[in-house]
Each structure stands twice: as C-alpha cells, then as structure tokens.
C-alpha cells in the first residue's frame, strides 16, 4: 500500500510539473507575442517599411477601419508604401492586450485597445508561429465607438455606407 501511495504521489507530481511547464511555455510565448506586437507598432510609428511588413506572414490579411479595406499582404504594402515613404504613418500604443492560444500552441489570437490618432481603436488578429517566429496572419483594426454616440456616428456614415451596401447587395 505504501508503494502504491508513493507511486500515486509521483504520478501527481509529474502531472503537476507538466502542467506548470505548459503554463510557463505559454507565458514565454505570450511574452514573445507581446514583444512582436509592440515591435510591429513601433516599426509603423518609425515608418520602417521592411521591418513592419516583416512581421506579416507571406499569406496574410489586413482589414482596416473602412469597409472597403481588406487587403492581402502585397495589396496592403502597395497601399501603405506612400505613407511610409513620406514618414506619415500611424502611431499605435497598446493600452491593454489579451492573448489566447490554440491547443497545440502554434496559433494565437489577440485583441487590444490602442491609443491612436483616432483615439481608442481596437486591434485584433491571429498570429502563427512560423519557423520559430510569431507572424501576423490576420490583423483587424476597428474604431471604438462609445455607445453614447453610436446614433450620431451612424447618422454621419449612413450616406456613404448606404451606397456601399447597395453595391454589395447587387453583386
């Protein structure tokens, strides 16, 4: 009975260590993703085109605040290049960030509140570990609209977006 108790205690200890090890791994990965996303934002603020786009996976998507802004990496590079060339890029600073992992730990998704020239925005996306580095697979930028002024915002954007809605319905 004593041997069985010791074996059971040993098994629990091993299981506990593997759980702690997995949690530590994700903490290390969270740190790596936080560092990557901060570098991503810093590269944009410094108008460092190559570094900024180096954070994107080759097959990735950027979705902007305008309903028409859905670009693959190459399209986004073409759109952004004049802004980077003129050093008129964006400066986003994360105020709060959440990171979540897939079961196998190869994919993670995040959401964050950003301090921007548009005031508070939300960045969200999916990152994938590719060749040992976290890369952006999809990034979505959206403007946060306080509930108290949603009606005013809808009134302002309705004439523009009503046209787009009709175009999209007619496709």
Protein backbone atom coordinates (compact mmCIF):
# COMPACT_ATOMS: atom_id res chain seq x y z
CA UNK A 1 0.00 0.00 0.00
CA UNK A 2 2.86 2.34 0.84
CA UNK A 3 4.45 1.71 -2.59
CA UNK A 4 1.12 2.40 -4.28
CA UNK A 5 0.75 5.68 -2.38
CA UNK A 6 4.30 6.71 -3.34
CA UNK A 7 3.65 5.80 -6.99
CA UNK A 8 0.41 7.78 -6.97
CA UNK A 9 2.20 10.79 -5.40
CA UNK A 10 4.95 10.54 -8.02
CA UNK A 11 2.40 10.45 -10.86
CA UNK A 12 0.61 13.52 -9.46
CA UNK A 13 3.93 15.34 -9.16
CA UNK A 14 4.83 14.55 -12.79
CA UNK A 15 1.39 15.65 -14.00
CA UNK A 16 1.67 18.86 -11.99
CA UNK A 17 5.14 19.60 -13.39
CA UNK A 18 3.93 19.09 -16.96
CA UNK A 19 1.00 21.46 -16.30
CA UNK A 20 3.35 24.06 -14.82
CA UNK A 21 5.72 23.55 -17.75
CA UNK A 22 2.89 24.07 -20.29
CA UNK A 23 1.75 27.21 -18.47
CA UNK A 24 5.32 28.50 -18.39
CA UNK A 25 5.63 27.78 -22.12
CA UNK A 26 2.55 29.84 -22.87
CA UNK A 27 3.81 32.63 -20.62
CA UNK A 28 7.04 32.66 -22.64
CA UNK A 29 5.03 32.65 -25.86
CA UNK A 30 2.81 35.48 -24.57
CA UNK A 31 5.94 37.49 -23.86
CA UNK A 32 7.24 36.77 -27.36
CA UNK A 33 3.92 37.79 -28.94
CA UNK A 34 3.74 40.96 -26.82
CA UNK A 35 7.28 41.84 -27.90
CA UNK A 36 6.42 41.12 -31.54
CA UNK A 37 3.24 43.21 -31.49
CA UNK A 38 4.99 46.10 -29.73
CA UNK A 39 7.74 45.93 -32.37
CA UNK A 40 5.09 45.82 -35.09
CA UNK A 41 3.54 49.04 -33.74
CA UNK A 42 6.94 50.69 -33.25
CA UNK A 43 8.03 49.87 -36.81
CA UNK A 44 4.89 51.56 -38.15
CA UNK A 45 5.46 54.62 -35.94
CA UNK A 46 9.06 54.87 -37.20
CA UNK A 47 7.92 54.37 -40.82
CA UNK A 48 10.20 51.33 -41.09
CA UNK A 49 8.52 49.65 -44.05
CA UNK A 50 10.64 46.49 -44.24
CA UNK A 51 10.53 45.77 -40.52
CA UNK A 52 6.79 46.45 -40.30
CA UNK A 53 5.92 44.16 -43.19
CA UNK A 54 8.40 41.56 -41.97
CA UNK A 55 6.01 40.93 -39.08
CA UNK A 56 3.33 39.73 -41.52
CA UNK A 57 3.23 36.15 -42.78
CA UNK A 58 3.57 35.91 -46.56
CA UNK A 59 -0.08 34.90 -46.78
CA UNK A 60 -1.79 37.38 -44.51
CA UNK A 61 -4.68 39.80 -44.46
CA UNK A 62 -5.05 43.34 -43.16
CA UNK A 63 -8.57 44.62 -42.51
CA UNK A 64 -8.83 48.36 -41.93
CA UNK A 65 -11.43 50.65 -40.43
CA UNK A 66 -13.15 51.36 -43.75
CA UNK A 67 -15.48 48.62 -45.02
CA UNK A 68 -13.56 48.54 -48.31
CA UNK A 69 -10.18 47.91 -46.67
CA UNK A 70 -9.49 44.18 -46.94
CA UNK A 71 -6.04 43.55 -48.36
CA UNK A 72 -3.64 40.66 -48.67
CA UNK A 73 -0.06 41.48 -47.69
CA UNK A 74 1.03 42.59 -51.17
CA UNK A 75 -2.02 44.84 -51.62
CA UNK A 76 -1.53 46.36 -48.19
CA UNK A 77 2.14 47.01 -48.95
CA UNK A 78 1.18 48.87 -52.13
CA UNK A 79 -1.44 50.91 -50.25
CA UNK A 80 0.89 51.71 -47.33
CA UNK A 81 4.12 52.42 -49.24
CA UNK A 82 3.41 56.13 -49.96
CA UNK A 83 2.69 56.74 -46.26
CA UNK A 84 5.92 55.03 -45.22
CA UNK A 85 7.88 56.93 -47.90
CA UNK A 86 6.53 60.27 -46.64
CA UNK A 87 7.05 59.23 -42.99
CA UNK A 88 3.30 59.82 -42.44
CA UNK A 89 2.46 56.51 -40.83
CA UNK A 90 0.43 55.68 -37.75
CA UNK A 91 1.50 55.55 -34.14
CA UNK A 92 -0.42 52.96 -32.12
CA UNK A 93 0.35 52.15 -28.50
CA UNK A 94 -1.27 49.20 -26.79
CA UNK A 95 -3.26 50.14 -23.70
CA UNK A 96 -4.50 46.64 -22.90
CA UNK A 97 -3.89 43.34 -24.69
CA UNK A 98 -5.32 39.83 -24.35
CA UNK A 99 -3.68 36.79 -25.96
CA UNK A 100 -5.18 33.31 -26.34
CA UNK A 101 -3.69 30.08 -27.71
CA UNK A 102 -4.84 27.12 -29.76
CA UNK A 103 -4.47 23.72 -28.09
CA UNK A 104 -1.29 22.93 -29.99
CA UNK A 105 0.18 26.39 -29.29
CA UNK A 106 1.00 27.13 -32.94
CA UNK A 107 -1.75 29.72 -33.35
CA UNK A 108 -2.69 32.56 -31.08
CA UNK A 109 -5.23 35.33 -31.35
CA UNK A 110 -5.27 38.66 -29.64
CA UNK A 111 -7.35 41.71 -29.04
CA UNK A 112 -6.08 45.02 -27.78
CA UNK A 113 -7.16 48.54 -27.10
CA UNK A 114 -4.89 51.03 -28.82
CA UNK A 115 -4.11 54.68 -28.22
CA UNK A 116 -4.06 56.17 -31.75
CA UNK A 117 -4.51 59.44 -33.62
CA UNK A 118 -8.14 58.28 -33.97
CA UNK A 119 -8.34 57.97 -30.16
CA UNK A 120 -9.14 54.48 -28.86
CA UNK A 121 -9.15 51.80 -31.51
CA UNK A 122 -9.22 48.03 -31.27
CA UNK A 123 -6.63 45.86 -32.91
CA UNK A 124 -7.29 42.16 -33.16
CA UNK A 125 -5.78 39.37 -35.08
CA UNK A 126 -4.34 35.93 -35.49
CA UNK A 127 -0.64 35.13 -35.25
CA UNK A 128 1.10 31.90 -36.22
CA UNK A 129 4.46 30.54 -35.19
CA UNK A 130 6.36 30.11 -38.45
CA UNK A 131 9.97 28.91 -38.42
CA UNK A 132 10.23 29.80 -34.74
CA UNK A 133 8.85 33.34 -35.10
CA UNK A 134 5.37 34.71 -34.49
CA UNK A 135 3.91 36.26 -37.66
CA UNK A 136 0.68 38.14 -38.22
CA UNK A 137 -1.76 36.08 -40.30
CA UNK A 138 -4.67 38.47 -39.96
CA UNK A 139 -4.90 41.93 -38.44
CA UNK A 140 -8.15 43.83 -37.95
CA UNK A 141 -8.21 47.49 -36.97
CA UNK A 142 -11.51 48.93 -35.82
CA UNK A 143 -12.55 52.19 -34.27
CA UNK A 144 -14.13 52.00 -30.85
CA UNK A 145 -17.36 53.98 -30.78
CA UNK A 146 -18.78 54.82 -27.35
CA UNK A 147 -22.37 53.62 -27.05
CA UNK A 148 -23.48 57.13 -26.11
CA UNK A 149 -22.68 58.46 -29.60
CA UNK A 150 -23.42 55.46 -31.83
CA UNK A 151 -26.54 57.15 -33.24
CA UNK A 152 -24.54 60.25 -34.21
CA UNK A 153 -21.85 58.14 -35.87
CA UNK A 154 -24.43 56.11 -37.80
CA UNK A 155 -26.08 59.33 -38.99
CA UNK A 156 -22.72 60.62 -40.25
CA UNK A 157 -21.68 57.45 -42.06
CA UNK A 158 -25.09 56.39 -43.40
CA UNK A 159 -24.98 58.36 -46.70
CA UNK A 160 -21.57 56.90 -47.57
CA UNK A 161 -22.25 53.36 -46.46
CA UNK A 162 -25.77 53.18 -47.92
CA UNK A 163 -24.15 53.41 -51.36
CA UNK A 164 -21.69 50.65 -50.48
CA UNK A 165 -24.47 48.47 -49.06
CA UNK A 166 -26.38 48.74 -52.35
CA UNK A 167 -23.27 47.89 -54.37
CA UNK A 168 -22.60 44.84 -52.22
CA UNK A 169 -26.22 43.67 -52.39
CA UNK A 170 -26.20 43.99 -56.18
CA UNK A 171 -23.13 41.82 -56.70
